[in-house]
PDB file of all heavy atoms in Angstrom:
ATOM      1  N   SER A   1       0.857  -1.188   0.000  1.00  0.00           N
ATOM      2  CA  SER A   1       0.000   0.000   0.000  1.00  0.00           C
ATOM      3  C   SER A   1       0.893   1.237   0.000  1.00  0.00           C
ATOM      4  O   SER A   1       2.118   1.131  -0.016  1.00  0.00           O
ATOM      5  CB  SER A   1      -0.912  -0.001   1.225  1.00  0.00           C
ATOM      6  OG  SER A   1      -0.202   0.465   2.362  1.00  0.00           O
ATOM      7  N   LYS A   2       0.258   2.386   0.065  1.00  0.00           N
ATOM      8  CA  LYS A   2       1.016   3.636   0.082  1.00  0.00           C
ATOM      9  C   LYS A   2       1.886   3.740   1.337  1.00  0.00           C
ATOM     10  O   LYS A   2       2.888   4.444   1.358  1.00  0.00           O
ATOM     11  CB  LYS A   2       0.000   4.795   0.045  1.00  0.00           C
ATOM     12  CG  LYS A   2       0.584   6.146  -0.305  1.00  0.00           C
ATOM     13  CD  LYS A   2      -0.536   7.165  -0.470  1.00  0.00           C
ATOM     14  CE  LYS A   2      -0.062   8.559  -0.097  1.00  0.00           C
ATOM     15  NZ  LYS A   2      -1.173   9.510   0.053  1.00  0.00           N
ATOM     16  N   PHE A   3       1.505   3.010   2.389  1.00  0.00           N
ATOM     17  CA  PHE A   3       2.189   3.156   3.680  1.00  0.00           C
ATOM     18  C   PHE A   3       2.930   1.922   4.161  1.00  0.00           C
ATOM     19  O   PHE A   3       3.865   2.036   4.939  1.00  0.00           O
ATOM     20  CB  PHE A   3       1.175   3.553   4.762  1.00  0.00           C
ATOM     21  CG  PHE A   3       0.564   4.898   4.524  1.00  0.00           C
ATOM     22  CD1 PHE A   3      -0.666   5.013   3.881  1.00  0.00           C
ATOM     23  CD2 PHE A   3       1.221   6.056   4.903  1.00  0.00           C
ATOM     24  CE1 PHE A   3      -1.230   6.250   3.643  1.00  0.00           C
ATOM     25  CE2 PHE A   3       0.665   7.296   4.676  1.00  0.00           C
ATOM     26  CZ  PHE A   3      -0.561   7.403   4.037  1.00  0.00           C
ATOM     27  N   GLN A   4       2.487   0.716   3.735  1.00  0.00           N
ATOM     28  CA  GLN A   4       3.056  -0.483   4.348  1.00  0.00           C
ATOM     29  C   GLN A   4       2.821  -1.722   3.488  1.00  0.00           C
ATOM     30  O   GLN A   4       2.021  -1.711   2.564  1.00  0.00           O
ATOM     31  CB  GLN A   4       2.469  -0.683   5.753  1.00  0.00           C
ATOM     32  CG  GLN A   4       0.961  -0.656   5.812  1.00  0.00           C
ATOM     33  CD  GLN A   4       0.412  -0.194   7.156  1.00  0.00           C
ATOM     34  OE1 GLN A   4       1.113  -0.151   8.157  1.00  0.00           O
ATOM     35  NE2 GLN A   4      -0.858   0.148   7.185  1.00  0.00           N
ATOM     36  N   ASP A   5       3.541  -2.770   3.844  1.00  0.00           N
ATOM     37  CA  ASP A   5       3.360  -4.059   3.199  1.00  0.00           C
ATOM     38  C   ASP A   5       2.163  -4.759   3.849  1.00  0.00           C
ATOM     39  O   ASP A   5       2.110  -4.895   5.073  1.00  0.00           O
ATOM     40  CB  ASP A   5       4.636  -4.896   3.393  1.00  0.00           C
ATOM     41  CG  ASP A   5       4.506  -6.290   2.819  1.00  0.00           C
ATOM     42  OD1 ASP A   5       4.823  -6.459   1.630  1.00  0.00           O
ATOM     43  OD2 ASP A   5       4.086  -7.209   3.553  1.00  0.00           O
ATOM     44  N   VAL A   6       1.199  -5.183   3.036  1.00  0.00           N
ATOM     45  CA  VAL A   6      -0.038  -5.783   3.540  1.00  0.00           C
ATOM     46  C   VAL A   6      -0.107  -7.244   3.097  1.00  0.00           C
ATOM     47  O   VAL A   6       0.000  -7.539   1.903  1.00  0.00           O
ATOM     48  CB  VAL A   6      -1.279  -5.024   3.012  1.00  0.00           C
ATOM     49  CG1 VAL A   6      -2.568  -5.639   3.563  1.00  0.00           C
ATOM     50  CG2 VAL A   6      -1.192  -3.532   3.359  1.00  0.00           C
ATOM     51  N   LEU A   7      -0.272  -8.148   4.058  1.00  0.00           N
ATOM     52  CA  LEU A   7      -0.381  -9.577   3.768  1.00  0.00           C
ATOM     53  C   LEU A   7      -1.582 -10.142   4.520  1.00  0.00           C
ATOM     54  O   LEU A   7      -1.793  -9.821   5.691  1.00  0.00           O
ATOM     55  CB  LEU A   7       0.898 -10.294   4.244  1.00  0.00           C
ATOM     56  CG  LEU A   7       0.851 -11.817   4.411  1.00  0.00           C
ATOM     57  CD1 LEU A   7       0.704 -12.524   3.066  1.00  0.00           C
ATOM     58  CD2 LEU A   7       2.102 -12.318   5.146  1.00  0.00           C
ATOM     59  N   VAL A   8      -2.386 -10.957   3.833  1.00  0.00           N
ATOM     60  CA  VAL A   8      -3.429 -11.728   4.508  1.00  0.00           C
ATOM     61  C   VAL A   8      -3.242 -13.179   4.110  1.00  0.00           C
ATOM     62  O   VAL A   8      -3.094 -13.488   2.925  1.00  0.00           O
ATOM     63  CB  VAL A   8      -4.855 -11.275   4.117  1.00  0.00           C
ATOM     64  CG1 VAL A   8      -5.900 -12.052   4.928  1.00  0.00           C
ATOM     65  CG2 VAL A   8      -5.041  -9.776   4.320  1.00  0.00           C
ATOM     66  N   PHE A   9      -3.235 -14.071   5.102  1.00  0.00           N
ATOM     67  CA  PHE A   9      -3.191 -15.495   4.776  1.00  0.00           C
ATOM     68  C   PHE A   9      -4.174 -16.268   5.651  1.00  0.00           C
ATOM     69  O   PHE A   9      -4.565 -15.815   6.728  1.00  0.00           O
ATOM     70  CB  PHE A   9      -1.770 -16.076   4.907  1.00  0.00           C
ATOM     71  CG  PHE A   9      -1.192 -16.106   6.292  1.00  0.00           C
ATOM     72  CD1 PHE A   9      -1.373 -17.215   7.124  1.00  0.00           C
ATOM     73  CD2 PHE A   9      -0.424 -15.045   6.774  1.00  0.00           C
ATOM     74  CE1 PHE A   9      -0.825 -17.260   8.400  1.00  0.00           C
ATOM     75  CE2 PHE A   9       0.132 -15.079   8.050  1.00  0.00           C
ATOM     76  CZ  PHE A   9      -0.071 -16.197   8.865  1.00  0.00           C
ATOM     77  N   GLU A  10      -4.589 -17.415   5.121  1.00  0.00           N
ATOM     78  CA  GLU A  10      -5.415 -18.330   5.905  1.00  0.00           C
ATOM     79  C   GLU A  10      -4.463 -19.294   6.595  1.00  0.00           C
ATOM     80  O   GLU A  10      -3.640 -19.938   5.937  1.00  0.00           O
ATOM     81  CB  GLU A  10      -6.362 -19.076   4.976  1.00  0.00           C
ATOM     82  CG  GLU A  10      -7.240 -20.110   5.654  1.00  0.00           C
ATOM     83  CD  GLU A  10      -7.851 -21.063   4.643  1.00  0.00           C
ATOM     84  OE1 GLU A  10      -8.555 -20.568   3.729  1.00  0.00           O
ATOM     85  OE2 GLU A  10      -7.597 -22.280   4.734  1.00  0.00           O
ATOM     86  N   SER A  11      -4.568 -19.354   7.920  1.00  0.00           N
ATOM     87  CA  SER A  11      -3.655 -20.212   8.679  1.00  0.00           C
ATOM     88  C   SER A  11      -4.312 -21.555   8.980  1.00  0.00           C
ATOM     89  O   SER A  11      -5.521 -21.723   8.790  1.00  0.00           O
ATOM     90  CB  SER A  11      -3.269 -19.532   9.995  1.00  0.00           C
ATOM     91  OG  SER A  11      -4.398 -19.486  10.863  1.00  0.00           O
ATOM     92  N   LYS A  12      -3.512 -22.463   9.457  1.00  0.00           N
ATOM     93  CA  LYS A  12      -4.030 -23.800   9.767  1.00  0.00           C
ATOM     94  C   LYS A  12      -4.883 -23.795  11.032  1.00  0.00           C
ATOM     95  O   LYS A  12      -5.910 -24.468  11.093  1.00  0.00           O
ATOM     96  CB  LYS A  12      -2.863 -24.774   9.931  1.00  0.00           C
ATOM     97  CG  LYS A  12      -3.292 -26.224   9.938  1.00  0.00           C
ATOM     98  CD  LYS A  12      -2.124 -27.152   9.666  1.00  0.00           C
ATOM     99  CE  LYS A  12      -2.621 -28.590   9.548  1.00  0.00           C
ATOM    100  NZ  LYS A  12      -1.507 -29.518   9.253  1.00  0.00           N
ATOM    101  N   THR A  13      -4.477 -23.023  12.044  1.00  0.00           N
ATOM    102  CA  THR A  13      -5.171 -23.097  13.346  1.00  0.00           C
ATOM    103  C   THR A  13      -5.640 -21.752  13.905  1.00  0.00           C
ATOM    104  O   THR A  13      -6.300 -21.731  14.951  1.00  0.00           O
ATOM    105  CB  THR A  13      -4.256 -23.756  14.405  1.00  0.00           C
ATOM    106  OG1 THR A  13      -3.008 -23.050  14.454  1.00  0.00           O
ATOM    107  CG2 THR A  13      -3.990 -25.215  14.087  1.00  0.00           C
ATOM    108  N   TYR A  14      -5.324 -20.636  13.246  1.00  0.00           N
ATOM    109  CA  TYR A  14      -5.705 -19.324  13.778  1.00  0.00           C
ATOM    110  C   TYR A  14      -6.643 -18.539  12.867  1.00  0.00           C
ATOM    111  O   TYR A  14      -6.822 -17.339  13.046  1.00  0.00           O
ATOM    112  CB  TYR A  14      -4.447 -18.486  14.086  1.00  0.00           C
ATOM    113  CG  TYR A  14      -3.836 -18.843  15.422  1.00  0.00           C
ATOM    114  CD1 TYR A  14      -2.900 -19.869  15.544  1.00  0.00           C
ATOM    115  CD2 TYR A  14      -4.225 -18.176  16.586  1.00  0.00           C
ATOM    116  CE1 TYR A  14      -2.362 -20.214  16.774  1.00  0.00           C
ATOM    117  CE2 TYR A  14      -3.694 -18.518  17.823  1.00  0.00           C
ATOM    118  CZ  TYR A  14      -2.768 -19.535  17.911  1.00  0.00           C
ATOM    119  OH  TYR A  14      -2.251 -19.872  19.146  1.00  0.00           O
ATOM    120  N   GLY A  15      -7.266 -19.211  11.891  1.00  0.00           N
ATOM    121  CA  GLY A  15      -8.149 -18.503  10.973  1.00  0.00           C
ATOM    122  C   GLY A  15      -7.359 -17.591  10.049  1.00  0.00           C
ATOM    123  O   GLY A  15      -6.156 -17.795   9.827  1.00  0.00           O
ATOM    124  N   ASN A  16      -8.024 -16.572   9.521  1.00  0.00           N
ATOM    125  CA  ASN A  16      -7.333 -15.618   8.657  1.00  0.00           C
ATOM    126  C   ASN A  16      -6.469 -14.684   9.509  1.00  0.00           C
ATOM    127  O   ASN A  16      -6.844 -14.317  10.625  1.00  0.00           O
ATOM    128  CB  ASN A  16      -8.335 -14.798   7.832  1.00  0.00           C
ATOM    129  CG  ASN A  16      -8.974 -15.631   6.733  1.00  0.00           C
ATOM    130  OD1 ASN A  16      -8.590 -16.776   6.499  1.00  0.00           O
ATOM    131  ND2 ASN A  16      -9.959 -15.059   6.056  1.00  0.00           N
ATOM    132  N   VAL A  17      -5.311 -14.312   8.944  1.00  0.00           N
ATOM    133  CA  VAL A  17      -4.327 -13.510   9.670  1.00  0.00           C
ATOM    134  C   VAL A  17      -3.968 -12.283   8.827  1.00  0.00           C
ATOM    135  O   VAL A  17      -3.655 -12.416   7.640  1.00  0.00           O
ATOM    136  CB  VAL A  17      -3.049 -14.341   9.943  1.00  0.00           C
ATOM    137  CG1 VAL A  17      -2.014 -13.518  10.709  1.00  0.00           C
ATOM    138  CG2 VAL A  17      -3.391 -15.618  10.719  1.00  0.00           C
ATOM    139  N   LEU A  18      -4.031 -11.098   9.448  1.00  0.00           N
ATOM    140  CA  LEU A  18      -3.631  -9.850   8.793  1.00  0.00           C
ATOM    141  C   LEU A  18      -2.258  -9.448   9.320  1.00  0.00           C
ATOM    142  O   LEU A  18      -2.045  -9.375  10.536  1.00  0.00           O
ATOM    143  CB  LEU A  18      -4.641  -8.737   9.081  1.00  0.00           C
ATOM    144  CG  LEU A  18      -4.238  -7.311   8.684  1.00  0.00           C
ATOM    145  CD1 LEU A  18      -4.132  -7.163   7.166  1.00  0.00           C
ATOM    146  CD2 LEU A  18      -5.232  -6.283   9.235  1.00  0.00           C
ATOM    147  N   VAL A  19      -1.333  -9.177   8.377  1.00  0.00           N
ATOM    148  CA  VAL A  19       0.049  -8.841   8.718  1.00  0.00           C
ATOM    149  C   VAL A  19       0.423  -7.525   8.033  1.00  0.00           C
ATOM    150  O   VAL A  19       0.173  -7.355   6.843  1.00  0.00           O
ATOM    151  CB  VAL A  19       1.009  -9.967   8.234  1.00  0.00           C
ATOM    152  CG1 VAL A  19       2.459  -9.617   8.536  1.00  0.00           C
ATOM    153  CG2 VAL A  19       0.629 -11.304   8.858  1.00  0.00           C
ATOM    154  N   LEU A  20       0.999  -6.584   8.772  1.00  0.00           N
ATOM    155  CA  LEU A  20       1.472  -5.316   8.201  1.00  0.00           C
ATOM    156  C   LEU A  20       2.967  -5.195   8.456  1.00  0.00           C
ATOM    157  O   LEU A  20       3.424  -5.336   9.594  1.00  0.00           O
ATOM    158  CB  LEU A  20       0.737  -4.129   8.830  1.00  0.00           C
ATOM    159  CG  LEU A  20      -0.780  -4.096   8.647  1.00  0.00           C
ATOM    160  CD1 LEU A  20      -1.375  -2.894   9.377  1.00  0.00           C
ATOM    161  CD2 LEU A  20      -1.172  -4.057   7.168  1.00  0.00           C
ATOM    162  N   ASP A  21       3.718  -4.940   7.396  1.00  0.00           N
ATOM    163  CA  ASP A  21       5.181  -4.816   7.503  1.00  0.00           C
ATOM    164  C   ASP A  21       5.797  -5.989   8.273  1.00  0.00           C
ATOM    165  O   ASP A  21       6.678  -5.811   9.122  1.00  0.00           O
ATOM    166  CB  ASP A  21       5.571  -3.488   8.160  1.00  0.00           C
ATOM    167  CG  ASP A  21       5.426  -2.311   7.192  1.00  0.00           C
ATOM    168  OD1 ASP A  21       5.335  -2.551   5.966  1.00  0.00           O
ATOM    169  OD2 ASP A  21       5.380  -1.156   7.657  1.00  0.00           O
ATOM    170  N   GLY A  22       5.296  -7.192   8.003  1.00  0.00           N
ATOM    171  CA  GLY A  22       5.865  -8.398   8.603  1.00  0.00           C
ATOM    172  C   GLY A  22       5.422  -8.682  10.021  1.00  0.00           C
ATOM    173  O   GLY A  22       5.864  -9.650  10.632  1.00  0.00           O
ATOM    174  N   VAL A  23       4.520  -7.835  10.573  1.00  0.00           N
ATOM    175  CA  VAL A  23       4.090  -7.958  11.969  1.00  0.00           C
ATOM    176  C   VAL A  23       2.605  -8.334  12.027  1.00  0.00           C
ATOM    177  O   VAL A  23       1.764  -7.677  11.404  1.00  0.00           O
ATOM    178  CB  VAL A  23       4.329  -6.628  12.731  1.00  0.00           C
ATOM    179  CG1 VAL A  23       3.790  -6.707  14.151  1.00  0.00           C
ATOM    180  CG2 VAL A  23       5.821  -6.283  12.734  1.00  0.00           C
ATOM    181  N   ILE A  24       2.284  -9.380  12.792  1.00  0.00           N
ATOM    182  CA  ILE A  24       0.896  -9.829  12.943  1.00  0.00           C
ATOM    183  C   ILE A  24       0.059  -8.726  13.592  1.00  0.00           C
ATOM    184  O   ILE A  24       0.412  -8.211  14.662  1.00  0.00           O
ATOM    185  CB  ILE A  24       0.832 -11.097  13.819  1.00  0.00           C
ATOM    186  CG1 ILE A  24       1.569 -12.259  13.139  1.00  0.00           C
ATOM    187  CG2 ILE A  24      -0.623 -11.478  14.115  1.00  0.00           C
ATOM    188  CD1 ILE A  24       1.867 -13.430  14.078  1.00  0.00           C
ATOM    189  N   GLN A  25      -1.054  -8.382  12.951  1.00  0.00           N
ATOM    190  CA  GLN A  25      -1.990  -7.401  13.518  1.00  0.00           C
ATOM    191  C   GLN A  25      -3.168  -8.092  14.184  1.00  0.00           C
ATOM    192  O   GLN A  25      -3.547  -7.735  15.297  1.00  0.00           O
ATOM    193  CB  GLN A  25      -2.496  -6.447  12.417  1.00  0.00           C
ATOM    194  CG  GLN A  25      -1.394  -5.726  11.677  1.00  0.00           C
ATOM    195  CD  GLN A  25      -0.564  -4.834  12.573  1.00  0.00           C
ATOM    196  OE1 GLN A  25      -1.094  -3.979  13.294  1.00  0.00           O
ATOM    197  NE2 GLN A  25       0.749  -5.009  12.556  1.00  0.00           N
ATOM    198  N   VAL A  26      -3.786  -9.032  13.480  1.00  0.00           N
ATOM    199  CA  VAL A  26      -4.903  -9.784  14.065  1.00  0.00           C
ATOM    200  C   VAL A  26      -4.935 -11.187  13.484  1.00  0.00           C
ATOM    201  O   VAL A  26      -4.530 -11.405  12.334  1.00  0.00           O
ATOM    202  CB  VAL A  26      -6.294  -9.138  13.800  1.00  0.00           C
ATOM    203  CG1 VAL A  26      -6.446  -7.819  14.502  1.00  0.00           C
ATOM    204  CG2 VAL A  26      -6.578  -8.986  12.325  1.00  0.00           C
ATOM    205  N   THR A  27      -5.417 -12.123  14.291  1.00  0.00           N
ATOM    206  CA  THR A  27      -5.836 -13.420  13.770  1.00  0.00           C
ATOM    207  C   THR A  27      -7.279 -13.621  14.230  1.00  0.00           C
ATOM    208  O   THR A  27      -7.668 -13.139  15.304  1.00  0.00           O
ATOM    209  CB  THR A  27      -4.978 -14.601  14.272  1.00  0.00           C
ATOM    210  OG1 THR A  27      -5.477 -15.031  15.551  1.00  0.00           O
ATOM    211  CG2 THR A  27      -3.506 -14.239  14.386  1.00  0.00           C
ATOM    212  N   GLU A  28      -8.059 -14.318  13.412  1.00  0.00           N
ATOM    213  CA  GLU A  28      -9.471 -14.499  13.747  1.00  0.00           C
ATOM    214  C   GLU A  28      -9.663 -15.269  15.059  1.00  0.00           C
ATOM    215  O   GLU A  28     -10.651 -15.087  15.745  1.00  0.00           O
ATOM    216  CB  GLU A  28     -10.183 -15.226  12.601  1.00  0.00           C
ATOM    217  CG  GLU A  28     -10.363 -14.344  11.376  1.00  0.00           C
ATOM    218  CD  GLU A  28     -11.128 -15.056  10.263  1.00  0.00           C
ATOM    219  OE1 GLU A  28     -10.730 -16.156   9.857  1.00  0.00           O
ATOM    220  OE2 GLU A  28     -12.137 -14.480   9.802  1.00  0.00           O
ATOM    221  N   ARG A  29      -8.716 -16.115  15.408  1.00  0.00           N
ATOM    222  CA  ARG A  29      -8.887 -16.947  16.598  1.00  0.00           C
ATOM    223  C   ARG A  29      -8.760 -16.166  17.909  1.00  0.00           C
ATOM    224  O   ARG A  29      -9.510 -16.402  18.857  1.00  0.00           O
ATOM    225  CB  ARG A  29      -7.859 -18.084  16.580  1.00  0.00           C
ATOM    226  CG  ARG A  29      -7.912 -18.970  17.805  1.00  0.00           C
ATOM    227  CD  ARG A  29      -6.925 -20.120  17.669  1.00  0.00           C
ATOM    228  NE  ARG A  29      -6.734 -20.839  18.929  1.00  0.00           N
ATOM    229  CZ  ARG A  29      -5.851 -21.813  19.094  1.00  0.00           C
ATOM    230  NH1 ARG A  29      -5.083 -22.181  18.082  1.00  0.00           N
ATOM    231  NH2 ARG A  29      -5.731 -22.407  20.251  1.00  0.00           N
ATOM    232  N   ASP A  30      -7.816 -15.233  17.982  1.00  0.00           N
ATOM    233  CA  ASP A  30      -7.560 -14.596  19.287  1.00  0.00           C
ATOM    234  C   ASP A  30      -7.784 -13.090  19.323  1.00  0.00           C
ATOM    235  O   ASP A  30      -7.559 -12.459  20.353  1.00  0.00           O
ATOM    236  CB  ASP A  30      -6.144 -14.942  19.791  1.00  0.00           C
ATOM    237  CG  ASP A  30      -5.029 -14.376  18.910  1.00  0.00           C
ATOM    238  OD1 ASP A  30      -5.324 -13.648  17.942  1.00  0.00           O
ATOM    239  OD2 ASP A  30      -3.853 -14.678  19.199  1.00  0.00           O
ATOM    240  N   GLU A  31      -8.266 -12.494  18.226  1.00  0.00           N
ATOM    241  CA  GLU A  31      -8.367 -11.031  18.194  1.00  0.00           C
ATOM    242  C   GLU A  31      -9.289 -10.462  19.275  1.00  0.00           C
ATOM    243  O   GLU A  31      -9.095  -9.347  19.746  1.00  0.00           O
ATOM    244  CB  GLU A  31      -8.800 -10.539  16.803  1.00  0.00           C
ATOM    245  CG  GLU A  31     -10.072 -11.159  16.221  1.00  0.00           C
ATOM    246  CD  GLU A  31     -11.365 -10.469  16.624  1.00  0.00           C
ATOM    247  OE1 GLU A  31     -11.305  -9.400  17.258  1.00  0.00           O
ATOM    248  OE2 GLU A  31     -12.433 -11.018  16.314  1.00  0.00           O
ATOM    249  N   PHE A  32     -10.320 -11.245  19.676  1.00  0.00           N
ATOM    250  CA  PHE A  32     -11.283 -10.726  20.662  1.00  0.00           C
ATOM    251  C   PHE A  32     -10.593 -10.286  21.955  1.00  0.00           C
ATOM    252  O   PHE A  32     -11.020  -9.339  22.613  1.00  0.00           O
ATOM    253  CB  PHE A  32     -12.358 -11.778  20.967  1.00  0.00           C
ATOM    254  CG  PHE A  32     -11.847 -12.952  21.760  1.00  0.00           C
ATOM    255  CD1 PHE A  32     -11.885 -12.942  23.149  1.00  0.00           C
ATOM    256  CD2 PHE A  32     -11.312 -14.064  21.113  1.00  0.00           C
ATOM    257  CE1 PHE A  32     -11.386 -14.021  23.880  1.00  0.00           C
ATOM    258  CE2 PHE A  32     -10.826 -15.146  21.842  1.00  0.00           C
ATOM    259  CZ  PHE A  32     -10.852 -15.127  23.226  1.00  0.00           C
ATOM    260  N   SER A  33      -9.521 -10.990  22.326  1.00  0.00           N
ATOM    261  CA  SER A  33      -8.844 -10.685  23.584  1.00  0.00           C
ATOM    262  C   SER A  33      -8.315  -9.254  23.589  1.00  0.00           C
ATOM    263  O   SER A  33      -8.398  -8.543  24.604  1.00  0.00           O
ATOM    264  CB  SER A  33      -7.691 -11.673  23.791  1.00  0.00           C
ATOM    265  OG  SER A  33      -6.997 -11.383  24.980  1.00  0.00           O
ATOM    266  N   TYR A  34      -7.784  -8.833  22.456  1.00  0.00           N
ATOM    267  CA  TYR A  34      -7.262  -7.469  22.324  1.00  0.00           C
ATOM    268  C   TYR A  34      -8.398  -6.453  22.168  1.00  0.00           C
ATOM    269  O   TYR A  34      -8.439  -5.435  22.867  1.00  0.00           O
ATOM    270  CB  TYR A  34      -6.323  -7.420  21.122  1.00  0.00           C
ATOM    271  CG  TYR A  34      -5.827  -6.038  20.771  1.00  0.00           C
ATOM    272  CD1 TYR A  34      -4.725  -5.484  21.415  1.00  0.00           C
ATOM    273  CD2 TYR A  34      -6.455  -5.282  19.778  1.00  0.00           C
ATOM    274  CE1 TYR A  34      -4.264  -4.220  21.084  1.00  0.00           C
ATOM    275  CE2 TYR A  34      -6.006  -4.018  19.442  1.00  0.00           C
ATOM    276  CZ  TYR A  34      -4.912  -3.485  20.106  1.00  0.00           C
ATOM    277  OH  TYR A  34      -4.462  -2.233  19.779  1.00  0.00           O
ATOM    278  N   GLN A  35      -9.331  -6.710  21.238  1.00  0.00           N
ATOM    279  CA  GLN A  35     -10.401  -5.735  20.957  1.00  0.00           C
ATOM    280  C   GLN A  35     -11.218  -5.429  22.215  1.00  0.00           C
ATOM    281  O   GLN A  35     -11.546  -4.280  22.491  1.00  0.00           O
ATOM    282  CB  GLN A  35     -11.371  -6.238  19.874  1.00  0.00           C
ATOM    283  CG  GLN A  35     -10.761  -6.988  18.714  1.00  0.00           C
ATOM    284  CD  GLN A  35      -9.783  -6.191  17.893  1.00  0.00           C
ATOM    285  OE1 GLN A  35      -9.791  -4.963  17.923  1.00  0.00           O
ATOM    286  NE2 GLN A  35      -8.930  -6.873  17.162  1.00  0.00           N
ATOM    287  N   GLU A  36     -11.557  -6.494  22.964  1.00  0.00           N
ATOM    288  CA  GLU A  36     -12.394  -6.295  24.146  1.00  0.00           C
ATOM    289  C   GLU A  36     -11.667  -5.481  25.212  1.00  0.00           C
ATOM    290  O   GLU A  36     -12.246  -4.596  25.843  1.00  0.00           O
ATOM    291  CB  GLU A  36     -12.821  -7.656  24.724  1.00  0.00           C
ATOM    292  CG  GLU A  36     -13.808  -8.388  23.820  1.00  0.00           C
ATOM    293  CD  GLU A  36     -14.166  -9.788  24.314  1.00  0.00           C
ATOM    294  OE1 GLU A  36     -13.746 -10.152  25.438  1.00  0.00           O
ATOM    295  OE2 GLU A  36     -14.849 -10.508  23.571  1.00  0.00           O
ATOM    296  N   MET A  37     -10.363  -5.757  25.386  1.00  0.00           N
ATOM    297  CA  MET A  37      -9.639  -5.078  26.465  1.00  0.00           C
ATOM    298  C   MET A  37      -9.262  -3.638  26.137  1.00  0.00           C
ATOM    299  O   MET A  37      -9.190  -2.786  27.027  1.00  0.00           O
ATOM    300  CB  MET A  37      -8.384  -5.869  26.837  1.00  0.00           C
ATOM    301  CG  MET A  37      -8.642  -6.960  27.859  1.00  0.00           C
ATOM    302  SD  MET A  37      -9.279  -6.338  29.431  1.00  0.00           S
ATOM    303  CE  MET A  37      -7.822  -5.538  30.101  1.00  0.00           C
ATOM    304  N   ILE A  38      -9.028  -3.346  24.855  1.00  0.00           N
ATOM    305  CA  ILE A  38      -8.687  -1.952  24.529  1.00  0.00           C
ATOM    306  C   ILE A  38      -9.951  -1.072  24.556  1.00  0.00           C
ATOM    307  O   ILE A  38      -9.869   0.147  24.693  1.00  0.00           O
ATOM    308  CB  ILE A  38      -7.957  -1.840  23.166  1.00  0.00           C
ATOM    309  CG1 ILE A  38      -7.194  -0.508  23.087  1.00  0.00           C
ATOM    310  CG2 ILE A  38      -8.903  -2.015  21.986  1.00  0.00           C
ATOM    311  CD1 ILE A  38      -6.265  -0.387  21.881  1.00  0.00           C
ATOM    312  N   THR A  39     -11.121  -1.717  24.487  1.00  0.00           N
ATOM    313  CA  THR A  39     -12.381  -0.978  24.381  1.00  0.00           C
ATOM    314  C   THR A  39     -13.148  -0.886  25.704  1.00  0.00           C
ATOM    315  O   THR A  39     -13.475   0.206  26.173  1.00  0.00           O
ATOM    316  CB  THR A  39     -13.299  -1.655  23.340  1.00  0.00           C
ATOM    317  OG1 THR A  39     -12.600  -1.780  22.102  1.00  0.00           O
ATOM    318  CG2 THR A  39     -14.565  -0.827  23.129  1.00  0.00           C
ATOM    319  N   HIS A  40     -13.464  -2.033  26.309  1.00  0.00           N
ATOM    320  CA  HIS A  40     -14.459  -2.034  27.390  1.00  0.00           C
ATOM    321  C   HIS A  40     -13.991  -1.415  28.709  1.00  0.00           C
ATOM    322  O   HIS A  40     -14.784  -0.700  29.345  1.00  0.00           O
ATOM    323  CB  HIS A  40     -15.016  -3.439  27.589  1.00  0.00           C
ATOM    324  CG  HIS A  40     -15.721  -3.956  26.374  1.00  0.00           C
ATOM    325  ND1 HIS A  40     -16.735  -3.255  25.744  1.00  0.00           N
ATOM    326  CD2 HIS A  40     -15.531  -5.078  25.632  1.00  0.00           C
ATOM    327  CE1 HIS A  40     -17.153  -3.939  24.685  1.00  0.00           C
ATOM    328  NE2 HIS A  40     -16.435  -5.041  24.589  1.00  0.00           N
ATOM    329  N   PRO A  41     -12.746  -1.616  29.162  1.00  0.00           N
ATOM    330  CA  PRO A  41     -12.352  -0.905  30.393  1.00  0.00           C
ATOM    331  C   PRO A  41     -12.526   0.612  30.253  1.00  0.00           C
ATOM    332  O   PRO A  41     -12.961   1.285  31.204  1.00  0.00           O
ATOM    333  CB  PRO A  41     -10.879  -1.290  30.569  1.00  0.00           C
ATOM    334  CG  PRO A  41     -10.783  -2.642  29.926  1.00  0.00           C
ATOM    335  CD  PRO A  41     -11.697  -2.560  28.726  1.00  0.00           C
ATOM    336  N   ALA A  42     -12.236   1.151  29.080  1.00  0.00           N
ATOM    337  CA  ALA A  42     -12.398   2.595  28.855  1.00  0.00           C
ATOM    338  C   ALA A  42     -13.875   2.987  28.819  1.00  0.00           C
ATOM    339  O   ALA A  42     -14.313   3.906  29.516  1.00  0.00           O
ATOM    340  CB  ALA A  42     -11.718   2.998  27.547  1.00  0.00           C
TER     341      ALA A  42
END
């Protein structure tokens, strides 16, 4: 993209995985743990 390298792959055990500049951003299996905690305490 204009800003970063974007990769999406389907993994064997973590569902679809979004990677930016070689760094995992989310996987379908465990993303809820992050989304819920960054949102609900606030």
